[in-house]
Protein backbone atom coordinates (compact mmCIF):
# COMPACT_ATOMS: atom_id res chain seq x y z
CA UNK A 1 0.00 0.00 0.00
CA UNK A 2 1.51 3.30 -1.13
CA UNK A 3 -0.21 5.65 1.27
CA UNK A 4 -1.61 6.26 4.69
CA UNK A 5 -5.33 6.71 3.99
CA UNK A 6 -5.86 8.52 7.32
CA UNK A 7 -3.71 11.46 6.23
CA UNK A 8 -5.20 11.78 2.73
CA UNK A 9 -1.83 11.55 0.97
CA UNK A 10 0.04 13.75 3.47
CA UNK A 11 3.39 12.19 4.20
CA UNK A 12 3.02 9.97 1.16
CA UNK A 13 6.27 8.77 -0.37
CA UNK A 14 7.49 5.89 -2.48
CA UNK A 15 10.51 4.98 -4.55
CA UNK A 16 10.51 4.30 -8.29
CA UNK A 17 13.96 3.56 -9.63
CA UNK A 18 16.26 6.14 -8.12
CA UNK A 19 13.57 8.77 -7.50
CA UNK A 20 11.69 9.25 -4.24
CA UNK A 21 8.26 10.82 -4.73
CA UNK A 22 7.32 12.82 -1.66
CA UNK A 23 4.60 15.24 -2.69
CA UNK A 24 1.39 15.27 -4.77
CA UNK A 25 2.95 17.89 -7.06
CA UNK A 26 5.18 15.14 -8.44
CA UNK A 27 2.32 12.81 -9.34
CA UNK A 28 1.53 14.32 -12.77
CA UNK A 29 4.69 12.77 -14.19
CA UNK A 30 3.27 9.32 -13.40
CA UNK A 31 1.06 8.08 -16.21
CA UNK A 32 -1.12 5.00 -16.51
CA UNK A 33 -1.15 3.21 -19.87
CA UNK A 34 -3.45 0.44 -21.07
CA UNK A 35 -2.85 -2.12 -23.78
CA UNK A 36 -5.62 -1.78 -26.39
CA UNK A 37 -5.17 -5.44 -27.30
CA UNK A 38 -5.32 -7.21 -23.92
CA UNK A 39 -6.26 -4.52 -21.34
CA UNK A 40 -3.10 -4.78 -19.23
CA UNK A 41 -2.39 -1.61 -17.19
CA UNK A 42 1.12 -0.24 -16.76
CA UNK A 43 2.50 2.60 -14.62
CA UNK A 44 5.10 4.71 -16.47
CA UNK A 45 7.01 7.80 -15.40
CA UNK A 46 8.66 9.29 -18.49
CA UNK A 47 8.38 6.98 -21.48
CA UNK A 48 6.19 7.89 -24.43
CA UNK A 49 6.56 4.64 -26.36
CA UNK A 50 5.18 2.05 -23.98
CA UNK A 51 5.03 -1.63 -24.90
CA UNK A 52 2.87 -4.31 -23.30
CA UNK A 53 4.79 -6.97 -21.39
CA UNK A 54 1.75 -9.25 -21.31
CA UNK A 55 0.89 -9.64 -25.02
CA UNK A 56 3.80 -7.91 -26.74
CA UNK A 57 1.79 -5.08 -28.30
CA UNK A 58 4.28 -2.37 -29.20
CA UNK A 59 2.06 0.67 -28.46
CA UNK A 60 -0.01 1.06 -25.33
CA UNK A 61 -2.48 3.95 -24.92
CA UNK A 62 -2.31 6.55 -22.16
CA UNK A 63 -5.42 6.57 -19.95
CA UNK A 64 -6.97 9.54 -18.20
CA UNK A 65 -6.67 7.71 -14.88
CA UNK A 66 -4.82 9.80 -12.29
CA UNK A 67 -1.95 8.21 -10.40
CA UNK A 68 -3.42 8.85 -6.94
CA UNK A 69 -6.70 7.19 -7.93
CA UNK A 70 -4.81 4.28 -9.54
CA UNK A 71 -2.71 3.78 -6.40
CA UNK A 72 -5.88 3.67 -4.28
CA UNK A 73 -7.50 1.00 -6.48
CA UNK A 74 -7.54 -2.68 -5.58
CA UNK A 75 -6.52 -5.28 -8.15
CA UNK A 76 -10.20 -6.01 -8.74
CA UNK A 77 -10.98 -2.31 -9.33
CA UNK A 78 -8.09 -2.08 -11.79
CA UNK A 79 -9.40 -5.12 -13.65
CA UNK A 80 -12.90 -3.57 -13.75
CA UNK A 81 -11.42 -0.31 -15.07
CA UNK A 82 -9.57 -2.19 -17.83
CA UNK A 83 -12.71 -4.16 -18.77
CA UNK A 84 -14.73 -0.94 -18.95
CA UNK A 85 -12.06 0.78 -21.04
CA UNK A 86 -11.95 -2.16 -23.45
CA UNK A 87 -15.76 -2.17 -23.72
CA UNK A 88 -15.97 1.57 -24.37
CA UNK A 89 -13.24 1.37 -27.00
CA UNK A 90 -14.87 -1.69 -28.63
CA UNK A 91 -11.86 -3.90 -28.01
CA UNK A 92 -13.53 -6.52 -25.84
CA UNK A 93 -13.68 -9.92 -27.49
CA UNK A 94 -11.52 -8.98 -30.46
C-alpha atoms as a PDB file:
ATOM      1  CA  UNK A   1       0.000   0.000   0.000  1.00  0.00           C
ATOM      2  CA  UNK A   2       1.514   3.300  -1.135  1.00  0.00           C
ATOM      3  CA  UNK A   3      -0.208   5.647   1.270  1.00  0.00           C
ATOM      4  CA  UNK A   4      -1.614   6.258   4.692  1.00  0.00           C
ATOM      5  CA  UNK A   5      -5.327   6.714   3.989  1.00  0.00           C
ATOM      6  CA  UNK A   6      -5.864   8.522   7.321  1.00  0.00           C
ATOM      7  CA  UNK A   7      -3.705  11.458   6.225  1.00  0.00           C
ATOM      8  CA  UNK A   8      -5.204  11.775   2.730  1.00  0.00           C
ATOM      9  CA  UNK A   9      -1.833  11.552   0.974  1.00  0.00           C
ATOM     10  CA  UNK A  10       0.037  13.745   3.472  1.00  0.00           C
ATOM     11  CA  UNK A  11       3.391  12.192   4.205  1.00  0.00           C
ATOM     12  CA  UNK A  12       3.019   9.974   1.156  1.00  0.00           C
ATOM     13  CA  UNK A  13       6.265   8.766  -0.370  1.00  0.00           C
ATOM     14  CA  UNK A  14       7.486   5.886  -2.480  1.00  0.00           C
ATOM     15  CA  UNK A  15      10.514   4.980  -4.553  1.00  0.00           C
ATOM     16  CA  UNK A  16      10.513   4.297  -8.287  1.00  0.00           C
ATOM     17  CA  UNK A  17      13.961   3.559  -9.634  1.00  0.00           C
ATOM     18  CA  UNK A  18      16.265   6.145  -8.123  1.00  0.00           C
ATOM     19  CA  UNK A  19      13.573   8.767  -7.497  1.00  0.00           C
ATOM     20  CA  UNK A  20      11.686   9.247  -4.243  1.00  0.00           C
ATOM     21  CA  UNK A  21       8.256  10.818  -4.729  1.00  0.00           C
ATOM     22  CA  UNK A  22       7.316  12.819  -1.664  1.00  0.00           C
ATOM     23  CA  UNK A  23       4.597  15.244  -2.690  1.00  0.00           C
ATOM     24  CA  UNK A  24       1.391  15.265  -4.767  1.00  0.00           C
ATOM     25  CA  UNK A  25       2.950  17.887  -7.060  1.00  0.00           C
ATOM     26  CA  UNK A  26       5.179  15.142  -8.442  1.00  0.00           C
ATOM     27  CA  UNK A  27       2.320  12.807  -9.339  1.00  0.00           C
ATOM     28  CA  UNK A  28       1.531  14.324 -12.770  1.00  0.00           C
ATOM     29  CA  UNK A  29       4.690  12.774 -14.186  1.00  0.00           C
ATOM     30  CA  UNK A  30       3.270   9.322 -13.396  1.00  0.00           C
ATOM     31  CA  UNK A  31       1.064   8.077 -16.212  1.00  0.00           C
ATOM     32  CA  UNK A  32      -1.118   4.995 -16.509  1.00  0.00           C
ATOM     33  CA  UNK A  33      -1.145   3.206 -19.866  1.00  0.00           C
ATOM     34  CA  UNK A  34      -3.451   0.437 -21.073  1.00  0.00           C
ATOM     35  CA  UNK A  35      -2.852  -2.116 -23.783  1.00  0.00           C
ATOM     36  CA  UNK A  36      -5.621  -1.775 -26.386  1.00  0.00           C
ATOM     37  CA  UNK A  37      -5.174  -5.443 -27.303  1.00  0.00           C
ATOM     38  CA  UNK A  38      -5.316  -7.215 -23.922  1.00  0.00           C
ATOM     39  CA  UNK A  39      -6.263  -4.518 -21.343  1.00  0.00           C
ATOM     40  CA  UNK A  40      -3.100  -4.780 -19.235  1.00  0.00           C
ATOM     41  CA  UNK A  41      -2.392  -1.614 -17.188  1.00  0.00           C
ATOM     42  CA  UNK A  42       1.119  -0.244 -16.756  1.00  0.00           C
ATOM     43  CA  UNK A  43       2.502   2.604 -14.623  1.00  0.00           C
ATOM     44  CA  UNK A  44       5.102   4.707 -16.467  1.00  0.00           C
ATOM     45  CA  UNK A  45       7.009   7.802 -15.401  1.00  0.00           C
ATOM     46  CA  UNK A  46       8.663   9.291 -18.488  1.00  0.00           C
ATOM     47  CA  UNK A  47       8.376   6.985 -21.482  1.00  0.00           C
ATOM     48  CA  UNK A  48       6.187   7.889 -24.432  1.00  0.00           C
ATOM     49  CA  UNK A  49       6.562   4.639 -26.364  1.00  0.00           C
ATOM     50  CA  UNK A  50       5.180   2.054 -23.983  1.00  0.00           C
ATOM     51  CA  UNK A  51       5.032  -1.627 -24.896  1.00  0.00           C
ATOM     52  CA  UNK A  52       2.868  -4.306 -23.296  1.00  0.00           C
ATOM     53  CA  UNK A  53       4.794  -6.972 -21.387  1.00  0.00           C
ATOM     54  CA  UNK A  54       1.749  -9.251 -21.313  1.00  0.00           C
ATOM     55  CA  UNK A  55       0.889  -9.644 -25.018  1.00  0.00           C
ATOM     56  CA  UNK A  56       3.804  -7.913 -26.742  1.00  0.00           C
ATOM     57  CA  UNK A  57       1.786  -5.080 -28.302  1.00  0.00           C
ATOM     58  CA  UNK A  58       4.279  -2.367 -29.200  1.00  0.00           C
ATOM     59  CA  UNK A  59       2.057   0.668 -28.463  1.00  0.00           C
ATOM     60  CA  UNK A  60      -0.012   1.059 -25.328  1.00  0.00           C
ATOM     61  CA  UNK A  61      -2.477   3.955 -24.923  1.00  0.00           C
ATOM     62  CA  UNK A  62      -2.309   6.555 -22.159  1.00  0.00           C
ATOM     63  CA  UNK A  63      -5.416   6.567 -19.953  1.00  0.00           C
ATOM     64  CA  UNK A  64      -6.971   9.543 -18.201  1.00  0.00           C
ATOM     65  CA  UNK A  65      -6.667   7.713 -14.875  1.00  0.00           C
ATOM     66  CA  UNK A  66      -4.821   9.799 -12.292  1.00  0.00           C
ATOM     67  CA  UNK A  67      -1.949   8.207 -10.402  1.00  0.00           C
ATOM     68  CA  UNK A  68      -3.424   8.850  -6.942  1.00  0.00           C
ATOM     69  CA  UNK A  69      -6.702   7.191  -7.932  1.00  0.00           C
ATOM     70  CA  UNK A  70      -4.809   4.277  -9.539  1.00  0.00           C
ATOM     71  CA  UNK A  71      -2.710   3.777  -6.399  1.00  0.00           C
ATOM     72  CA  UNK A  72      -5.883   3.671  -4.278  1.00  0.00           C
ATOM     73  CA  UNK A  73      -7.505   1.000  -6.484  1.00  0.00           C
ATOM     74  CA  UNK A  74      -7.543  -2.676  -5.577  1.00  0.00           C
ATOM     75  CA  UNK A  75      -6.520  -5.279  -8.149  1.00  0.00           C
ATOM     76  CA  UNK A  76     -10.202  -6.007  -8.740  1.00  0.00           C
ATOM     77  CA  UNK A  77     -10.981  -2.308  -9.325  1.00  0.00           C
ATOM     78  CA  UNK A  78      -8.086  -2.076 -11.789  1.00  0.00           C
ATOM     79  CA  UNK A  79      -9.405  -5.121 -13.653  1.00  0.00           C
ATOM     80  CA  UNK A  80     -12.897  -3.568 -13.753  1.00  0.00           C
ATOM     81  CA  UNK A  81     -11.417  -0.314 -15.075  1.00  0.00           C
ATOM     82  CA  UNK A  82      -9.573  -2.188 -17.832  1.00  0.00           C
ATOM     83  CA  UNK A  83     -12.706  -4.164 -18.775  1.00  0.00           C
ATOM     84  CA  UNK A  84     -14.733  -0.942 -18.945  1.00  0.00           C
ATOM     85  CA  UNK A  85     -12.055   0.776 -21.041  1.00  0.00           C
ATOM     86  CA  UNK A  86     -11.949  -2.163 -23.451  1.00  0.00           C
ATOM     87  CA  UNK A  87     -15.760  -2.169 -23.717  1.00  0.00           C
ATOM     88  CA  UNK A  88     -15.968   1.574 -24.374  1.00  0.00           C
ATOM     89  CA  UNK A  89     -13.243   1.372 -26.999  1.00  0.00           C
ATOM     90  CA  UNK A  90     -14.873  -1.685 -28.626  1.00  0.00           C
ATOM     91  CA  UNK A  91     -11.856  -3.896 -28.014  1.00  0.00           C
ATOM     92  CA  UNK A  92     -13.529  -6.519 -25.841  1.00  0.00           C
ATOM     93  CA  UNK A  93     -13.679  -9.923 -27.495  1.00  0.00           C
ATOM     94  CA  UNK A  94     -11.521  -8.982 -30.456  1.00  0.00           C
END
